N, C-alpha and C. Protein backbone atom coordinates (compact mmCIF):
# COMPACT_ATOMS: atom_id res chain seq x y z
N MET A 1 -32.91 -41.29 -12.67
CA MET A 1 -32.60 -39.96 -12.24
C MET A 1 -33.50 -38.99 -12.99
N THR A 2 -34.14 -38.10 -12.27
CA THR A 2 -35.07 -37.17 -12.90
C THR A 2 -34.43 -35.79 -13.01
N ALA A 3 -34.79 -35.08 -14.03
CA ALA A 3 -34.27 -33.73 -14.24
C ALA A 3 -35.01 -32.76 -13.32
N PRO A 4 -34.32 -31.73 -12.84
CA PRO A 4 -34.99 -30.76 -11.98
C PRO A 4 -36.09 -30.02 -12.75
N ALA A 5 -37.07 -29.57 -12.01
CA ALA A 5 -38.18 -28.83 -12.63
C ALA A 5 -37.66 -27.50 -13.18
N PRO A 6 -38.31 -27.01 -14.26
CA PRO A 6 -37.87 -25.75 -14.86
C PRO A 6 -37.81 -24.59 -13.85
N SER A 7 -38.77 -24.51 -12.94
CA SER A 7 -38.75 -23.41 -11.98
C SER A 7 -37.56 -23.55 -11.02
N SER A 8 -37.20 -24.80 -10.73
CA SER A 8 -36.04 -25.05 -9.88
C SER A 8 -34.76 -24.62 -10.60
N LEU A 9 -34.69 -24.89 -11.90
CA LEU A 9 -33.53 -24.46 -12.68
C LEU A 9 -33.47 -22.94 -12.76
N ASP A 10 -34.61 -22.30 -12.93
CA ASP A 10 -34.64 -20.84 -12.97
C ASP A 10 -34.18 -20.24 -11.66
N ALA A 11 -34.62 -20.83 -10.57
CA ALA A 11 -34.23 -20.34 -9.25
C ALA A 11 -32.73 -20.52 -9.04
N GLU A 12 -32.22 -21.67 -9.44
CA GLU A 12 -30.78 -21.93 -9.30
C GLU A 12 -29.97 -20.98 -10.18
N LEU A 13 -30.44 -20.75 -11.40
CA LEU A 13 -29.76 -19.82 -12.30
C LEU A 13 -29.78 -18.40 -11.72
N ALA A 14 -30.89 -17.99 -11.16
CA ALA A 14 -30.99 -16.66 -10.54
C ALA A 14 -30.04 -16.56 -9.36
N ARG A 15 -29.96 -17.62 -8.55
CA ARG A 15 -29.07 -17.62 -7.40
C ARG A 15 -27.61 -17.52 -7.86
N LEU A 16 -27.25 -18.29 -8.87
CA LEU A 16 -25.89 -18.25 -9.40
C LEU A 16 -25.57 -16.89 -10.01
N THR A 17 -26.55 -16.31 -10.69
CA THR A 17 -26.36 -15.00 -11.29
C THR A 17 -26.08 -13.95 -10.21
N ARG A 18 -26.87 -14.00 -9.13
CA ARG A 18 -26.65 -13.06 -8.02
C ARG A 18 -25.26 -13.26 -7.41
N ARG A 19 -24.87 -14.51 -7.26
CA ARG A 19 -23.56 -14.80 -6.66
C ARG A 19 -22.43 -14.29 -7.55
N VAL A 20 -22.56 -14.49 -8.85
CA VAL A 20 -21.53 -14.00 -9.79
C VAL A 20 -21.47 -12.47 -9.71
N GLU A 21 -22.62 -11.82 -9.64
CA GLU A 21 -22.65 -10.36 -9.54
C GLU A 21 -22.00 -9.89 -8.24
N GLU A 22 -22.25 -10.60 -7.14
CA GLU A 22 -21.61 -10.28 -5.86
C GLU A 22 -20.10 -10.42 -5.97
N LEU A 23 -19.66 -11.50 -6.59
CA LEU A 23 -18.23 -11.73 -6.74
C LEU A 23 -17.58 -10.67 -7.63
N LEU A 24 -18.28 -10.27 -8.69
CA LEU A 24 -17.74 -9.21 -9.55
C LEU A 24 -17.63 -7.90 -8.78
N GLY A 25 -18.60 -7.63 -7.93
CA GLY A 25 -18.53 -6.44 -7.08
C GLY A 25 -17.35 -6.50 -6.14
N MET A 26 -17.11 -7.67 -5.57
CA MET A 26 -15.96 -7.84 -4.67
C MET A 26 -14.65 -7.66 -5.43
N VAL A 27 -14.59 -8.18 -6.63
CA VAL A 27 -13.38 -8.03 -7.45
C VAL A 27 -13.12 -6.55 -7.71
N ASP A 28 -14.15 -5.81 -8.08
CA ASP A 28 -13.99 -4.37 -8.32
C ASP A 28 -13.52 -3.66 -7.05
N SER A 29 -14.13 -4.00 -5.94
CA SER A 29 -13.77 -3.38 -4.67
C SER A 29 -12.32 -3.70 -4.30
N LEU A 30 -11.93 -4.94 -4.45
CA LEU A 30 -10.56 -5.34 -4.13
C LEU A 30 -9.56 -4.70 -5.09
N ARG A 31 -9.94 -4.55 -6.33
CA ARG A 31 -9.06 -3.90 -7.32
C ARG A 31 -8.84 -2.43 -6.92
N ASP A 32 -9.91 -1.75 -6.52
CA ASP A 32 -9.79 -0.36 -6.07
C ASP A 32 -8.93 -0.26 -4.82
N GLU A 33 -9.17 -1.16 -3.88
CA GLU A 33 -8.38 -1.17 -2.64
C GLU A 33 -6.91 -1.43 -2.94
N ASN A 34 -6.64 -2.36 -3.81
CA ASN A 34 -5.27 -2.69 -4.19
C ASN A 34 -4.58 -1.49 -4.83
N ARG A 35 -5.29 -0.80 -5.70
CA ARG A 35 -4.74 0.39 -6.35
C ARG A 35 -4.41 1.45 -5.31
N ALA A 36 -5.32 1.67 -4.36
CA ALA A 36 -5.10 2.66 -3.31
C ALA A 36 -3.91 2.26 -2.44
N LEU A 37 -3.81 0.98 -2.12
CA LEU A 37 -2.70 0.51 -1.29
C LEU A 37 -1.36 0.66 -2.02
N LYS A 38 -1.35 0.40 -3.31
CA LYS A 38 -0.12 0.59 -4.09
C LYS A 38 0.29 2.05 -4.11
N GLN A 39 -0.68 2.95 -4.27
CA GLN A 39 -0.37 4.38 -4.26
C GLN A 39 0.15 4.80 -2.89
N ARG A 40 -0.47 4.30 -1.83
CA ARG A 40 -0.02 4.63 -0.46
C ARG A 40 1.38 4.10 -0.23
N HIS A 41 1.65 2.89 -0.70
CA HIS A 41 2.97 2.30 -0.55
C HIS A 41 4.01 3.15 -1.26
N GLU A 42 3.70 3.57 -2.48
CA GLU A 42 4.63 4.39 -3.25
C GLU A 42 4.88 5.72 -2.53
N SER A 43 3.81 6.31 -2.01
CA SER A 43 3.94 7.57 -1.28
C SER A 43 4.82 7.39 -0.05
N LEU A 44 4.59 6.33 0.70
CA LEU A 44 5.39 6.08 1.91
C LEU A 44 6.84 5.76 1.56
N ALA A 45 7.07 5.06 0.48
CA ALA A 45 8.43 4.76 0.06
C ALA A 45 9.17 6.05 -0.32
N ASN A 46 8.47 6.95 -1.01
CA ASN A 46 9.07 8.23 -1.37
C ASN A 46 9.36 9.06 -0.12
N GLU A 47 8.41 9.06 0.81
CA GLU A 47 8.61 9.79 2.06
C GLU A 47 9.80 9.22 2.83
N ARG A 48 9.90 7.92 2.87
CA ARG A 48 11.02 7.27 3.57
C ARG A 48 12.35 7.65 2.93
N ALA A 49 12.41 7.62 1.62
CA ALA A 49 13.64 7.99 0.92
C ALA A 49 14.02 9.43 1.23
N SER A 50 13.04 10.31 1.25
CA SER A 50 13.29 11.71 1.57
C SER A 50 13.81 11.86 3.00
N LEU A 51 13.19 11.15 3.92
CA LEU A 51 13.62 11.22 5.33
C LEU A 51 15.03 10.65 5.51
N LEU A 52 15.34 9.59 4.80
CA LEU A 52 16.69 9.03 4.89
C LEU A 52 17.72 10.02 4.36
N GLN A 53 17.38 10.71 3.28
CA GLN A 53 18.28 11.70 2.71
C GLN A 53 18.48 12.86 3.70
N LYS A 54 17.39 13.34 4.28
CA LYS A 54 17.49 14.42 5.26
C LYS A 54 18.30 13.97 6.47
N ASN A 55 18.08 12.76 6.92
CA ASN A 55 18.81 12.22 8.05
C ASN A 55 20.31 12.20 7.75
N GLU A 56 20.67 11.80 6.56
CA GLU A 56 22.08 11.75 6.18
C GLU A 56 22.68 13.16 6.13
N GLN A 57 21.91 14.11 5.64
CA GLN A 57 22.38 15.50 5.61
C GLN A 57 22.60 16.02 7.02
N VAL A 58 21.67 15.75 7.91
CA VAL A 58 21.82 16.19 9.30
C VAL A 58 23.01 15.51 9.95
N ARG A 59 23.19 14.23 9.70
CA ARG A 59 24.33 13.50 10.26
C ARG A 59 25.65 14.15 9.80
N ALA A 60 25.73 14.49 8.53
CA ALA A 60 26.95 15.12 8.00
C ALA A 60 27.18 16.47 8.65
N ARG A 61 26.11 17.25 8.84
CA ARG A 61 26.26 18.56 9.48
C ARG A 61 26.70 18.41 10.94
N VAL A 62 26.13 17.46 11.65
CA VAL A 62 26.51 17.23 13.05
C VAL A 62 27.97 16.79 13.13
N GLU A 63 28.36 15.89 12.25
CA GLU A 63 29.76 15.43 12.25
C GLU A 63 30.70 16.60 11.94
N ALA A 64 30.31 17.48 11.02
CA ALA A 64 31.13 18.64 10.70
C ALA A 64 31.23 19.57 11.92
N MET A 65 30.13 19.77 12.62
CA MET A 65 30.16 20.60 13.83
C MET A 65 31.06 19.99 14.90
N ILE A 66 30.96 18.69 15.07
CA ILE A 66 31.82 18.02 16.06
C ILE A 66 33.28 18.20 15.68
N GLY A 67 33.58 18.06 14.40
CA GLY A 67 34.95 18.26 13.93
C GLY A 67 35.44 19.67 14.22
N ARG A 68 34.58 20.66 13.98
CA ARG A 68 34.97 22.06 14.25
C ARG A 68 35.16 22.28 15.75
N LEU A 69 34.28 21.70 16.56
CA LEU A 69 34.42 21.84 18.01
C LEU A 69 35.72 21.22 18.51
N LYS A 70 36.04 20.04 17.98
CA LYS A 70 37.29 19.39 18.38
C LYS A 70 38.50 20.23 17.96
N ALA A 71 38.42 20.82 16.76
CA ALA A 71 39.52 21.69 16.30
C ALA A 71 39.65 22.91 17.18
N LEU A 72 38.54 23.50 17.60
CA LEU A 72 38.58 24.63 18.50
C LEU A 72 39.16 24.24 19.86
N GLU A 73 38.79 23.05 20.30
CA GLU A 73 39.26 22.56 21.60
C GLU A 73 40.78 22.40 21.58
N HIS A 74 41.31 21.91 20.49
CA HIS A 74 42.76 21.70 20.39
C HIS A 74 43.52 23.01 20.25
N THR A 75 42.90 24.02 19.67
CA THR A 75 43.59 25.32 19.51
C THR A 75 43.48 26.17 20.76
N ALA A 76 42.54 25.87 21.62
CA ALA A 76 42.36 26.70 22.82
C ALA A 76 43.28 26.33 23.95
């Protein structure tokens, strides 16, 4: 078995170096995307909680109005 030529090793090392750099770039990009997605998720979760609270408040007001209407109906 013969050892690869030095220029072949240099070429392979350069290729591997480029690939590692590409992968590091992808890791950075995915990390940024993940951070943005987590922030968006948190924002949407907060918005959902707010909407659920508002929905409950509106439901209570509508039920109170229905109760008042029924009371008026019985007194009329």
